[in-house]
Amino acid sequence: MKREKLFVVFVLMMCGLMSVNSVKADGSPTDNVTVNLKFRPVQSITVAASQETVDLIYATEANYQNGVSATLADHLTVFSTGGVAVSVKADTENFTSTSTGAVGIPVGDVVISAANGTGNSVSATLTDVPLATTNGTLIASEDGGRDLKFNVTYDNTVAGSSDSYINKYIHPDNPETVYTTTVTYTIVTK
């Protein structure tokens, strides 16, 4: 009887092993999936929200004698997944005023320059750009990065120091005469 029990146990074990093998034979124990990392170029440029208006103020004798400039720290923030070029242009040929009889001031009187800002160590070619209605390349880099901050200077010292603004653009009936243009920064893949 012991033998019969052993034989029954042996038969049951064999049936169990055959069941496991038949399950394996019916389906695949593995399968594959393809995982792709797809990289698309992304560029963005942002002007610091608190610096969306730049005032070059002529209010003293020294201003009229030396001209005026303003350097804005971390004025532009650039994000680029690769090489980048940032250009700048004015929307009009002249700064214009709403004052009656005001003569336009050429936008080329203001030169824009850039420098690396806070935490930015990217190697870039930085070129001074006299404003014009065509794009001038201000920043060019073979490398991209994220949160690349640039200081920007709006310089009117050369044109502003030549006495060309005295008697010509000031309207004595107004406490202040304002001349305006819009400046646009554009970022493209390099």
N, C-alpha and C. Protein backbone atom coordinates (compact mmCIF):
# COMPACT_ATOMS: atom_id res chain seq x y z
N MET A 1 0.80 -1.17 0.00
CA MET A 1 0.00 0.00 0.00
C MET A 1 0.86 1.26 0.00
N LYS A 2 1.93 1.16 0.65
CA LYS A 2 2.86 2.27 0.64
C LYS A 2 3.35 2.54 -0.76
N ARG A 3 3.56 1.47 -1.47
CA ARG A 3 4.02 1.63 -2.83
C ARG A 3 2.96 2.29 -3.70
N GLU A 4 1.73 1.90 -3.51
CA GLU A 4 0.65 2.49 -4.29
C GLU A 4 0.52 3.98 -3.99
N LYS A 5 0.69 4.35 -2.75
CA LYS A 5 0.60 5.77 -2.39
C LYS A 5 1.76 6.54 -3.02
N LEU A 6 2.93 5.92 -2.98
CA LEU A 6 4.09 6.57 -3.60
C LEU A 6 3.88 6.72 -5.10
N PHE A 7 3.30 5.68 -5.70
CA PHE A 7 3.05 5.75 -7.13
C PHE A 7 2.04 6.85 -7.46
N VAL A 8 0.98 6.98 -6.68
CA VAL A 8 -0.04 8.01 -6.89
C VAL A 8 0.59 9.41 -6.73
N VAL A 9 1.43 9.56 -5.71
CA VAL A 9 2.09 10.85 -5.50
C VAL A 9 3.00 11.17 -6.69
N PHE A 10 3.70 10.14 -7.17
CA PHE A 10 4.59 10.33 -8.31
C PHE A 10 3.80 10.75 -9.55
N VAL A 11 2.68 10.09 -9.81
CA VAL A 11 1.83 10.41 -10.96
C VAL A 11 1.29 11.83 -10.84
N LEU A 12 0.87 12.19 -9.66
CA LEU A 12 0.34 13.56 -9.47
C LEU A 12 1.43 14.61 -9.70
N MET A 13 2.62 14.32 -9.22
CA MET A 13 3.73 15.26 -9.45
C MET A 13 4.03 15.39 -10.94
N MET A 14 4.04 14.31 -11.64
CA MET A 14 4.32 14.34 -13.07
C MET A 14 3.24 15.12 -13.82
N CYS A 15 2.00 14.93 -13.44
CA CYS A 15 0.91 15.69 -14.07
C CYS A 15 1.06 17.19 -13.80
N GLY A 16 1.45 17.51 -12.60
CA GLY A 16 1.66 18.93 -12.26
C GLY A 16 2.78 19.55 -13.07
N LEU A 17 3.88 18.83 -13.21
CA LEU A 17 5.01 19.34 -14.01
C LEU A 17 4.61 19.49 -15.47
N MET A 18 3.84 18.56 -15.98
CA MET A 18 3.41 18.63 -17.38
C MET A 18 2.46 19.82 -17.58
N SER A 19 1.65 20.10 -16.61
CA SER A 19 0.73 21.24 -16.70
C SER A 19 1.52 22.55 -16.76
N VAL A 20 2.56 22.65 -15.94
CA VAL A 20 3.39 23.86 -15.94
C VAL A 20 4.10 24.00 -17.28
N ASN A 21 4.65 22.94 -17.80
CA ASN A 21 5.33 22.99 -19.09
C ASN A 21 4.37 23.32 -20.22
N SER A 22 3.15 22.83 -20.18
CA SER A 22 2.21 23.13 -21.26
C SER A 22 1.78 24.59 -21.21
N VAL A 23 1.71 25.20 -20.02
CA VAL A 23 1.40 26.62 -19.92
C VAL A 23 2.52 27.43 -20.55
N LYS A 24 3.74 27.06 -20.27
CA LYS A 24 4.89 27.76 -20.85
C LYS A 24 4.90 27.62 -22.36
N ALA A 25 4.57 26.50 -22.87
CA ALA A 25 4.63 26.25 -24.30
C ALA A 25 3.53 27.00 -25.05
N ASP A 26 2.41 27.30 -24.40
CA ASP A 26 1.29 27.95 -25.07
C ASP A 26 1.49 29.44 -25.30
N GLY A 27 2.26 30.20 -24.47
CA GLY A 27 2.42 31.64 -24.61
C GLY A 27 3.88 32.03 -24.47
N SER A 28 4.19 33.27 -24.81
CA SER A 28 5.55 33.75 -24.70
C SER A 28 5.77 34.33 -23.30
N PRO A 29 6.85 34.01 -22.65
CA PRO A 29 7.10 34.53 -21.32
C PRO A 29 7.65 35.95 -21.32
N THR A 30 8.02 36.48 -22.52
CA THR A 30 8.55 37.85 -22.61
C THR A 30 7.98 38.54 -23.84
N ASP A 31 8.08 39.88 -23.83
CA ASP A 31 7.71 40.68 -25.01
C ASP A 31 8.51 41.97 -24.95
N ASN A 32 8.59 42.69 -26.04
CA ASN A 32 9.41 43.89 -26.12
C ASN A 32 8.57 45.12 -26.41
N VAL A 33 9.10 46.27 -26.02
CA VAL A 33 8.51 47.56 -26.35
C VAL A 33 9.66 48.49 -26.75
N THR A 34 9.42 49.38 -27.70
CA THR A 34 10.42 50.35 -28.11
C THR A 34 10.16 51.66 -27.37
N VAL A 35 11.19 52.19 -26.73
CA VAL A 35 11.09 53.47 -26.03
C VAL A 35 11.94 54.47 -26.79
N ASN A 36 11.34 55.56 -27.24
CA ASN A 36 12.04 56.61 -27.97
C ASN A 36 12.15 57.85 -27.10
N LEU A 37 13.31 58.46 -27.11
CA LEU A 37 13.48 59.80 -26.54
C LEU A 37 13.52 60.74 -27.73
N LYS A 38 12.51 61.57 -27.89
CA LYS A 38 12.43 62.48 -29.03
C LYS A 38 12.71 63.90 -28.57
N PHE A 39 13.70 64.52 -29.18
CA PHE A 39 14.11 65.86 -28.79
C PHE A 39 13.72 66.85 -29.89
N ARG A 40 12.93 67.81 -29.53
CA ARG A 40 12.53 68.85 -30.47
C ARG A 40 13.09 70.18 -29.98
N PRO A 41 13.50 71.02 -30.90
CA PRO A 41 14.08 72.30 -30.47
C PRO A 41 13.03 73.20 -29.82
N VAL A 42 13.45 73.84 -28.73
CA VAL A 42 12.58 74.78 -28.02
C VAL A 42 13.40 76.03 -27.73
N GLN A 43 12.87 77.17 -28.05
CA GLN A 43 13.49 78.45 -27.73
C GLN A 43 12.42 79.39 -27.18
N SER A 44 12.82 80.18 -26.19
CA SER A 44 11.93 81.22 -25.70
C SER A 44 12.79 82.37 -25.18
N ILE A 45 12.20 83.55 -25.21
CA ILE A 45 12.87 84.74 -24.69
C ILE A 45 11.83 85.54 -23.92
N THR A 46 12.25 86.06 -22.77
CA THR A 46 11.35 86.82 -21.92
C THR A 46 12.04 88.08 -21.45
N VAL A 47 11.34 89.20 -21.52
CA VAL A 47 11.81 90.44 -20.93
C VAL A 47 11.30 90.47 -19.49
N ALA A 48 12.16 90.84 -18.55
CA ALA A 48 11.75 90.92 -17.14
C ALA A 48 10.50 91.79 -17.04
N ALA A 49 9.49 91.27 -16.37
CA ALA A 49 8.19 91.95 -16.29
C ALA A 49 8.30 93.36 -15.71
N SER A 50 9.19 93.55 -14.76
CA SER A 50 9.32 94.87 -14.14
C SER A 50 10.14 95.84 -15.01
N GLN A 51 10.64 95.36 -16.15
CA GLN A 51 11.49 96.19 -17.01
C GLN A 51 10.93 96.32 -18.42
N GLU A 52 9.63 96.24 -18.58
CA GLU A 52 9.03 96.31 -19.91
C GLU A 52 8.96 97.73 -20.46
N THR A 53 9.27 98.71 -19.64
CA THR A 53 9.40 100.10 -20.11
C THR A 53 10.77 100.59 -19.70
N VAL A 54 11.49 101.15 -20.65
CA VAL A 54 12.83 101.68 -20.39
C VAL A 54 12.78 103.19 -20.61
N ASP A 55 13.13 103.96 -19.58
CA ASP A 55 13.13 105.42 -19.67
C ASP A 55 14.57 105.93 -19.68
N LEU A 56 14.92 106.65 -20.73
CA LEU A 56 16.19 107.38 -20.78
C LEU A 56 15.81 108.85 -20.55
N ILE A 57 16.09 109.34 -19.36
CA ILE A 57 15.57 110.63 -18.94
C ILE A 57 16.65 111.71 -19.02
N TYR A 58 16.35 112.77 -19.76
CA TYR A 58 17.19 113.96 -19.83
C TYR A 58 16.59 114.98 -18.88
N ALA A 59 17.22 115.14 -17.69
CA ALA A 59 16.65 116.01 -16.67
C ALA A 59 17.68 116.95 -16.06
N THR A 60 18.96 116.80 -16.42
CA THR A 60 20.00 117.65 -15.84
C THR A 60 20.93 118.15 -16.95
N GLU A 61 21.70 119.14 -16.60
CA GLU A 61 22.69 119.65 -17.54
C GLU A 61 23.67 118.55 -17.94
N ALA A 62 24.06 117.73 -16.98
CA ALA A 62 24.99 116.62 -17.26
C ALA A 62 24.38 115.62 -18.24
N ASN A 63 23.08 115.38 -18.13
CA ASN A 63 22.43 114.47 -19.08
C ASN A 63 22.56 114.98 -20.51
N TYR A 64 22.31 116.29 -20.70
CA TYR A 64 22.41 116.86 -22.04
C TYR A 64 23.86 116.95 -22.51
N GLN A 65 24.78 117.06 -21.59
CA GLN A 65 26.19 117.16 -21.94
C GLN A 65 26.79 115.78 -22.24
N ASN A 66 26.39 114.76 -21.49
CA ASN A 66 27.01 113.43 -21.61
C ASN A 66 26.12 112.37 -22.25
N GLY A 67 24.87 112.68 -22.46
CA GLY A 67 23.94 111.66 -22.94
C GLY A 67 23.48 110.79 -21.79
N VAL A 68 22.60 109.85 -22.08
CA VAL A 68 22.00 109.02 -21.05
C VAL A 68 22.03 107.56 -21.51
N SER A 69 22.28 106.68 -20.55
CA SER A 69 22.16 105.24 -20.82
C SER A 69 21.55 104.57 -19.60
N ALA A 70 21.01 103.38 -19.83
CA ALA A 70 20.43 102.60 -18.73
C ALA A 70 20.82 101.15 -18.93
N THR A 71 21.39 100.54 -17.88
CA THR A 71 21.70 99.11 -17.90
C THR A 71 20.71 98.41 -17.00
N LEU A 72 20.03 97.44 -17.56
CA LEU A 72 19.01 96.69 -16.83
C LEU A 72 19.52 95.28 -16.56
N ALA A 73 19.72 94.97 -15.28
CA ALA A 73 20.24 93.66 -14.87
C ALA A 73 19.21 92.57 -15.15
N ASP A 74 19.67 91.46 -15.70
CA ASP A 74 18.83 90.30 -15.99
C ASP A 74 17.58 90.69 -16.77
N HIS A 75 17.76 91.58 -17.72
CA HIS A 75 16.66 92.12 -18.53
C HIS A 75 16.02 91.04 -19.41
N LEU A 76 16.87 90.18 -20.01
CA LEU A 76 16.37 89.12 -20.88
C LEU A 76 16.67 87.76 -20.26
N THR A 77 15.72 86.84 -20.39
CA THR A 77 15.95 85.45 -19.99
C THR A 77 15.70 84.59 -21.22
N VAL A 78 16.70 83.76 -21.55
CA VAL A 78 16.65 82.93 -22.75
C VAL A 78 16.64 81.46 -22.34
N PHE A 79 15.82 80.67 -23.04
CA PHE A 79 15.84 79.21 -22.94
C PHE A 79 16.04 78.69 -24.35
N SER A 80 17.03 77.82 -24.52
CA SER A 80 17.25 77.24 -25.83
C SER A 80 17.85 75.86 -25.69
N THR A 81 17.34 74.92 -26.46
CA THR A 81 17.83 73.54 -26.42
C THR A 81 19.08 73.36 -27.28
N GLY A 82 19.52 74.40 -27.93
CA GLY A 82 20.73 74.33 -28.76
C GLY A 82 21.21 75.73 -29.05
N GLY A 83 22.10 75.84 -30.03
CA GLY A 83 22.63 77.13 -30.42
C GLY A 83 21.52 78.13 -30.70
N VAL A 84 21.81 79.39 -30.44
CA VAL A 84 20.76 80.40 -30.48
C VAL A 84 21.30 81.73 -30.99
N ALA A 85 20.41 82.49 -31.63
CA ALA A 85 20.71 83.87 -32.00
C ALA A 85 19.53 84.73 -31.53
N VAL A 86 19.86 85.82 -30.84
CA VAL A 86 18.84 86.77 -30.39
C VAL A 86 19.08 88.07 -31.15
N SER A 87 18.04 88.53 -31.82
CA SER A 87 18.15 89.79 -32.56
C SER A 87 17.22 90.83 -31.96
N VAL A 88 17.47 92.08 -32.32
CA VAL A 88 16.69 93.19 -31.80
C VAL A 88 16.39 94.16 -32.95
N LYS A 89 15.23 94.76 -32.90
CA LYS A 89 14.86 95.78 -33.89
C LYS A 89 13.82 96.72 -33.31
N ALA A 90 13.72 97.88 -33.92
CA ALA A 90 12.69 98.86 -33.57
C ALA A 90 11.54 98.72 -34.56
N ASP A 91 10.34 99.02 -34.09
CA ASP A 91 9.17 98.92 -34.98
C ASP A 91 9.03 100.10 -35.92
N THR A 92 9.68 101.22 -35.59
CA THR A 92 9.59 102.42 -36.43
C THR A 92 10.98 102.99 -36.69
N GLU A 93 11.11 103.81 -37.72
CA GLU A 93 12.41 104.42 -38.05
C GLU A 93 12.78 105.53 -37.08
N ASN A 94 11.79 106.12 -36.44
CA ASN A 94 12.02 107.23 -35.53
C ASN A 94 11.27 107.03 -34.22
N PHE A 95 11.87 107.54 -33.15
CA PHE A 95 11.11 107.72 -31.92
C PHE A 95 10.12 108.83 -32.24
N THR A 96 8.87 108.64 -31.89
CA THR A 96 7.87 109.66 -32.20
C THR A 96 7.21 110.17 -30.93
N SER A 97 6.65 111.37 -31.04
CA SER A 97 5.99 112.00 -29.91
C SER A 97 4.59 112.39 -30.30
N THR A 98 3.71 112.44 -29.32
CA THR A 98 2.34 112.87 -29.57
C THR A 98 2.23 114.39 -29.52
N SER A 99 3.32 115.07 -29.18
CA SER A 99 3.30 116.54 -29.13
C SER A 99 3.15 117.11 -30.53
N THR A 100 2.37 118.16 -30.63
CA THR A 100 2.14 118.82 -31.90
C THR A 100 3.45 119.36 -32.48
N GLY A 101 3.68 119.05 -33.73
CA GLY A 101 4.86 119.57 -34.43
C GLY A 101 6.16 118.87 -34.04
N ALA A 102 6.08 117.78 -33.31
CA ALA A 102 7.30 117.09 -32.89
C ALA A 102 7.99 116.44 -34.08
N VAL A 103 9.30 116.60 -34.13
CA VAL A 103 10.12 115.98 -35.17
C VAL A 103 10.61 114.64 -34.62
N GLY A 104 10.62 113.60 -35.45
CA GLY A 104 11.05 112.28 -34.99
C GLY A 104 12.56 112.23 -34.73
N ILE A 105 12.95 111.40 -33.77
CA ILE A 105 14.36 111.18 -33.45
C ILE A 105 14.74 109.82 -34.03
N PRO A 106 15.79 109.72 -34.83
CA PRO A 106 16.17 108.43 -35.41
C PRO A 106 16.41 107.37 -34.33
N VAL A 107 15.86 106.16 -34.54
CA VAL A 107 16.03 105.09 -33.56
C VAL A 107 17.50 104.68 -33.45
N GLY A 108 18.29 104.92 -34.48
CA GLY A 108 19.71 104.59 -34.46
C GLY A 108 20.50 105.40 -33.44
N ASP A 109 19.87 106.42 -32.85
CA ASP A 109 20.54 107.18 -31.79
C ASP A 109 20.74 106.33 -30.53
N VAL A 110 20.01 105.23 -30.41
CA VAL A 110 20.15 104.34 -29.26
C VAL A 110 20.85 103.06 -29.70
N VAL A 111 21.89 102.70 -28.98
CA VAL A 111 22.64 101.47 -29.23
C VAL A 111 22.33 100.50 -28.10
N ILE A 112 22.01 99.27 -28.47
CA ILE A 112 21.69 98.24 -27.48
C ILE A 112 22.86 97.26 -27.40
N SER A 113 23.27 96.95 -26.18
CA SER A 113 24.33 95.96 -25.96
C SER A 113 23.90 95.00 -24.86
N ALA A 114 24.53 93.83 -24.85
CA ALA A 114 24.18 92.80 -23.86
C ALA A 114 25.44 92.28 -23.18
N ALA A 115 25.26 91.74 -21.99
CA ALA A 115 26.33 91.08 -21.23
C ALA A 115 25.70 89.94 -20.45
N ASN A 116 26.50 88.93 -20.14
CA ASN A 116 25.97 87.83 -19.34
C ASN A 116 25.44 88.36 -18.01
N GLY A 117 24.29 87.84 -17.60
CA GLY A 117 23.67 88.25 -16.35
C GLY A 117 23.93 87.24 -15.24
N THR A 118 23.10 87.26 -14.23
CA THR A 118 23.25 86.43 -13.04
C THR A 118 23.28 84.95 -13.39
N GLY A 119 24.36 84.27 -12.98
CA GLY A 119 24.48 82.83 -13.15
C GLY A 119 24.69 82.37 -14.58
N ASN A 120 24.89 83.27 -15.50
CA ASN A 120 25.04 82.90 -16.92
C ASN A 120 26.52 82.85 -17.28
N SER A 121 26.99 81.67 -17.65
CA SER A 121 28.39 81.53 -18.07
C SER A 121 28.50 81.02 -19.50
N VAL A 122 27.40 81.08 -20.24
CA VAL A 122 27.43 80.59 -21.62
C VAL A 122 28.38 81.47 -22.44
N SER A 123 29.13 80.82 -23.31
CA SER A 123 30.04 81.54 -24.20
C SER A 123 29.24 82.03 -25.40
N ALA A 124 29.08 83.34 -25.49
CA ALA A 124 28.26 83.91 -26.56
C ALA A 124 28.99 85.09 -27.18
N THR A 125 28.71 85.32 -28.45
CA THR A 125 29.19 86.52 -29.12
C THR A 125 28.16 87.61 -28.88
N LEU A 126 28.59 88.69 -28.25
CA LEU A 126 27.70 89.79 -27.91
C LEU A 126 28.10 90.99 -28.76
N THR A 127 27.16 91.52 -29.53
CA THR A 127 27.45 92.60 -30.47
C THR A 127 26.58 93.80 -30.16
N ASP A 128 27.19 94.98 -30.11
CA ASP A 128 26.41 96.22 -29.95
C ASP A 128 25.59 96.44 -31.21
N VAL A 129 24.31 96.77 -31.02
CA VAL A 129 23.40 96.94 -32.15
C VAL A 129 22.76 98.32 -32.11
N PRO A 130 23.10 99.20 -33.07
CA PRO A 130 22.33 100.45 -33.18
C PRO A 130 20.91 100.07 -33.62
N LEU A 131 19.92 100.62 -32.95
CA LEU A 131 18.54 100.28 -33.32
C LEU A 131 18.27 100.61 -34.77
N ALA A 132 17.48 99.77 -35.41
CA ALA A 132 17.04 99.95 -36.79
C ALA A 132 15.74 99.18 -36.95
N THR A 133 15.10 99.30 -38.10
CA THR A 133 13.86 98.57 -38.34
C THR A 133 14.13 97.17 -38.89
N THR A 134 15.40 96.83 -39.06
CA THR A 134 15.78 95.47 -39.44
C THR A 134 16.47 94.81 -38.25
N ASN A 135 16.37 93.50 -38.18
CA ASN A 135 16.97 92.77 -37.07
C ASN A 135 18.49 92.87 -37.08
N GLY A 136 19.06 93.16 -35.92
CA GLY A 136 20.50 93.13 -35.72
C GLY A 136 20.79 92.08 -34.66
N THR A 137 21.76 91.21 -34.91
CA THR A 137 22.06 90.13 -33.96
C THR A 137 22.79 90.68 -32.75
N LEU A 138 22.17 90.55 -31.60
CA LEU A 138 22.68 91.03 -30.32
C LEU A 138 23.46 89.94 -29.60
N ILE A 139 22.93 88.71 -29.61
CA ILE A 139 23.52 87.58 -28.89
C ILE A 139 23.56 86.39 -29.84
N ALA A 140 24.72 85.73 -29.94
CA ALA A 140 24.83 84.50 -30.74
C ALA A 140 25.64 83.50 -29.94
N SER A 141 25.13 82.27 -29.84
CA SER A 141 25.82 81.24 -29.08
C SER A 141 25.66 79.89 -29.76
N GLU A 142 26.73 79.11 -29.78
CA GLU A 142 26.68 77.76 -30.31
C GLU A 142 26.00 76.82 -29.32
N ASP A 143 25.92 77.24 -28.06
CA ASP A 143 25.34 76.42 -27.00
C ASP A 143 24.03 77.03 -26.52
N GLY A 144 23.16 76.18 -26.06
CA GLY A 144 21.92 76.63 -25.45
C GLY A 144 22.01 76.52 -23.94
N GLY A 145 20.89 76.64 -23.32
CA GLY A 145 20.82 76.52 -21.87
C GLY A 145 19.46 76.96 -21.38
N ARG A 146 19.29 76.84 -20.07
CA ARG A 146 18.01 77.26 -19.51
C ARG A 146 18.26 78.39 -18.52
N ASP A 147 17.32 79.31 -18.48
CA ASP A 147 17.41 80.47 -17.60
C ASP A 147 18.70 81.25 -17.81
N LEU A 148 19.06 81.45 -19.08
CA LEU A 148 20.25 82.26 -19.41
C LEU A 148 19.85 83.72 -19.30
N LYS A 149 20.37 84.39 -18.30
CA LYS A 149 20.02 85.80 -18.06
C LYS A 149 21.05 86.70 -18.73
N PHE A 150 20.57 87.79 -19.32
CA PHE A 150 21.43 88.77 -19.97
C PHE A 150 21.08 90.17 -19.47
N ASN A 151 22.11 90.93 -19.12
CA ASN A 151 21.95 92.35 -18.81
C ASN A 151 21.92 93.08 -20.15
N VAL A 152 21.10 94.10 -20.25
CA VAL A 152 20.99 94.86 -21.50
C VAL A 152 21.15 96.34 -21.19
N THR A 153 21.97 97.01 -22.02
CA THR A 153 22.17 98.45 -21.90
C THR A 153 21.54 99.15 -23.09
N TYR A 154 20.76 100.17 -22.80
CA TYR A 154 20.19 101.06 -23.81
C TYR A 154 21.01 102.34 -23.73
N ASP A 155 21.83 102.58 -24.74
CA ASP A 155 22.84 103.64 -24.67
C ASP A 155 22.53 104.76 -25.67
N ASN A 156 22.34 105.96 -25.15
CA ASN A 156 22.08 107.13 -25.97
C ASN A 156 23.16 108.19 -25.73
N THR A 157 24.35 107.76 -25.25
CA THR A 157 25.38 108.73 -24.87
C THR A 157 26.05 109.39 -26.07
N VAL A 158 26.25 108.68 -27.16
CA VAL A 158 26.93 109.30 -28.31
C VAL A 158 26.03 110.35 -28.94
N ALA A 159 24.84 109.97 -29.34
CA ALA A 159 23.92 110.91 -29.98
C ALA A 159 23.45 111.96 -28.99
N GLY A 160 23.24 111.57 -27.74
CA GLY A 160 22.70 112.48 -26.74
C GLY A 160 23.68 113.53 -26.25
N SER A 161 24.96 113.31 -26.48
CA SER A 161 25.95 114.27 -25.98
C SER A 161 26.39 115.27 -27.04
N SER A 162 25.81 115.22 -28.20
CA SER A 162 26.26 116.09 -29.30
C SER A 162 25.49 117.40 -29.40
N ASP A 163 24.75 117.77 -28.41
CA ASP A 163 23.92 118.97 -28.40
C ASP A 163 22.80 118.93 -29.44
N SER A 164 22.62 117.81 -30.10
CA SER A 164 21.58 117.74 -31.13
C SER A 164 20.17 117.71 -30.54
N TYR A 165 20.06 117.43 -29.24
CA TYR A 165 18.73 117.40 -28.63
C TYR A 165 18.33 118.76 -28.05
N ILE A 166 19.28 119.65 -27.86
CA ILE A 166 18.96 120.96 -27.30
C ILE A 166 18.25 121.80 -28.37
N ASN A 167 17.16 122.43 -27.99
CA ASN A 167 16.34 123.30 -28.83
C ASN A 167 15.51 122.57 -29.88
N LYS A 168 15.80 121.32 -30.16
CA LYS A 168 15.11 120.65 -31.26
C LYS A 168 13.92 119.79 -30.81
N TYR A 169 14.06 119.09 -29.71
CA TYR A 169 13.05 118.11 -29.32
C TYR A 169 12.28 118.49 -28.05
N ILE A 170 12.61 119.60 -27.48
CA ILE A 170 11.97 120.01 -26.24
C ILE A 170 10.87 121.02 -26.58
N HIS A 171 9.72 120.79 -26.02
CA HIS A 171 8.61 121.72 -26.22
C HIS A 171 8.38 122.44 -24.91
N PRO A 172 8.71 123.74 -24.86
CA PRO A 172 8.66 124.48 -23.59
C PRO A 172 7.27 124.54 -22.96
N ASP A 173 6.23 124.32 -23.72
CA ASP A 173 4.88 124.36 -23.16
C ASP A 173 4.56 123.08 -22.36
N ASN A 174 5.37 122.04 -22.52
CA ASN A 174 5.13 120.76 -21.83
C ASN A 174 6.19 120.56 -20.74
N PRO A 175 5.80 120.06 -19.59
CA PRO A 175 6.80 119.78 -18.55
C PRO A 175 7.73 118.63 -18.97
N GLU A 176 7.27 117.80 -19.90
CA GLU A 176 8.09 116.69 -20.39
C GLU A 176 7.58 116.31 -21.78
N THR A 177 8.50 116.13 -22.70
CA THR A 177 8.14 115.64 -24.03
C THR A 177 8.70 114.23 -24.16
N VAL A 178 7.84 113.29 -24.48
CA VAL A 178 8.23 111.88 -24.53
C VAL A 178 8.23 111.40 -25.98
N TYR A 179 9.33 110.76 -26.37
CA TYR A 179 9.47 110.13 -27.68
C TYR A 179 9.54 108.63 -27.47
N THR A 180 8.81 107.88 -28.29
CA THR A 180 8.64 106.45 -28.04
C THR A 180 8.80 105.62 -29.31
N THR A 181 9.31 104.42 -29.15
CA THR A 181 9.23 103.36 -30.15
C THR A 181 9.13 102.04 -29.41
N THR A 182 8.74 101.02 -30.11
CA THR A 182 8.69 99.67 -29.54
C THR A 182 9.89 98.88 -30.04
N VAL A 183 10.56 98.21 -29.12
CA VAL A 183 11.71 97.38 -29.46
C VAL A 183 11.29 95.92 -29.32
N THR A 184 11.64 95.11 -30.32
CA THR A 184 11.27 93.70 -30.32
C THR A 184 12.51 92.82 -30.34
N TYR A 185 12.55 91.85 -29.43
CA TYR A 185 13.62 90.85 -29.39
C TYR A 185 13.08 89.57 -30.00
N THR A 186 13.89 88.93 -30.85
CA THR A 186 13.50 87.69 -31.50
C THR A 186 14.58 86.64 -31.29
N ILE A 187 14.17 85.41 -31.00
CA ILE A 187 15.11 84.31 -30.79
C ILE A 187 14.90 83.27 -31.89
N VAL A 188 16.00 82.77 -32.46
CA VAL A 188 15.94 81.73 -33.48
C VAL A 188 17.02 80.69 -33.22
N THR A 189 16.83 79.51 -33.77
CA THR A 189 17.83 78.46 -33.67
C THR A 189 19.03 78.81 -34.52
N LYS A 190 20.21 78.58 -33.97
CA LYS A 190 21.44 78.87 -34.73
C LYS A 190 22.02 77.58 -35.24
